[in-house]
Protein backbone atom coordinates (compact mmCIF):
# COMPACT_ATOMS: atom_id res chain seq x y z
CA MET A 1 7.21 5.98 -2.26
CA THR A 2 8.55 2.92 0.02
CA THR A 3 6.15 0.05 0.93
CA GLU A 4 6.15 1.33 4.45
CA LYS A 5 4.87 4.83 3.48
CA VAL A 6 2.41 3.45 1.31
CA SER A 7 1.21 1.07 3.92
CA ALA A 8 1.16 3.81 6.44
CA CYS A 9 -0.77 6.12 4.17
CA PHE A 10 -3.23 3.48 3.55
CA GLU A 11 -3.65 2.89 7.13
CA GLU A 12 -4.15 6.61 7.93
CA THR A 13 -6.69 6.60 5.11
CA LEU A 14 -8.61 3.82 6.53
CA SER A 15 -8.41 5.39 9.95
CA GLU A 16 -9.90 8.68 8.93
CA LEU A 17 -12.59 6.89 6.76
CA GLU A 18 -13.62 4.93 9.95
CA ALA A 19 -13.65 8.16 12.14
CA ILE A 20 -16.04 9.84 9.53
CA VAL A 21 -18.52 6.77 9.40
CA ASN A 22 -18.66 6.76 13.15
CA GLU A 23 -19.29 10.66 13.17
CA MET A 24 -21.86 10.20 10.59
CA GLU A 25 -23.65 7.27 12.17
CA ASN A 26 -24.19 9.33 15.36
CA GLY A 27 -26.40 11.55 13.34
CA ASP A 28 -25.52 14.75 15.32
CA LEU A 29 -24.12 16.61 12.40
CA PRO A 30 -25.93 19.39 10.69
CA LEU A 31 -26.68 18.70 6.98
CA ASN A 32 -23.80 20.85 5.60
CA LYS A 33 -21.33 19.25 7.77
CA ALA A 34 -22.82 15.67 7.00
CA LEU A 35 -22.35 16.52 3.24
CA GLU A 36 -18.84 17.69 3.81
CA LYS A 37 -17.89 14.47 5.56
CA PHE A 38 -19.63 12.30 3.04
CA GLU A 39 -17.60 13.85 0.21
CA ARG A 40 -14.45 13.47 2.27
CA GLY A 41 -15.45 9.88 2.88
CA ILE A 42 -16.12 9.29 -0.86
CA ALA A 43 -12.70 10.76 -1.71
CA LEU A 44 -10.72 8.67 0.98
CA SER A 45 -12.68 5.50 -0.34
CA ARG A 46 -11.35 6.13 -3.78
CA GLN A 47 -7.80 6.77 -2.44
CA GLY A 48 -7.92 3.52 -0.44
CA GLN A 49 -9.25 1.63 -3.64
CA GLN A 50 -6.38 3.08 -5.59
CA SER A 51 -4.03 2.02 -3.03
CA LEU A 52 -5.13 -1.45 -2.98
CA GLU A 53 -5.21 -1.58 -6.82
CA ASN A 54 -1.59 -0.53 -6.88
CA ALA A 55 -0.58 -2.99 -4.31
CA GLU A 56 -2.34 -5.79 -6.24
CA GLN A 57 -0.27 -4.61 -9.47
CA LYS A 58 2.80 -4.85 -7.69
CA VAL A 59 2.15 -8.31 -6.33
CA LYS A 60 1.10 -9.49 -9.95
CA ILE A 61 4.50 -8.06 -11.23
CA LEU A 62 6.41 -9.72 -8.66
CA LEU A 63 4.86 -13.09 -9.10
CA SER A 64 5.20 -12.78 -12.88
CA GLU A 65 8.98 -11.90 -12.41
CA GLN A 66 9.21 -15.16 -10.31
CA GLY A 67 7.51 -17.18 -12.97
CA GLU A 68 4.77 -17.81 -10.49
CA GLU A 69 1.02 -18.30 -11.17
CA THR A 70 -1.22 -15.31 -11.46
CA LEU A 71 -3.37 -14.25 -8.63
CA GLN A 72 -6.61 -15.83 -8.26
CA SER A 73 -9.84 -14.43 -6.65
CA LEU A 74 -11.12 -15.70 -3.33
CA PRO A 75 -13.92 -18.05 -3.19
CA GLU A 76 -17.08 -16.26 -2.40
CA SER A 77 -17.43 -17.86 1.01
CA GLU A 78 -13.83 -16.41 1.91
CA GLN A 79 -14.60 -12.95 0.77
CA PRO A 80 -15.30 -9.98 3.08
């Protein structure tokens, strides 16, 4: 899968997840629909997390191929 397709897929996942969150925050869904949305949201969250982990791994590989330093975590003050 190309970088553009992965990025588009991640963006679509994030967009759908945001829509689900907005629907659920309104509180107008019947319980069974809310549970379905929650389950879909969990699946999308996991999918997005996997995409981010894959991207991080690719960056690490590229950096190691270039002889660059390894990735470092952001200071706590800069983390989202």
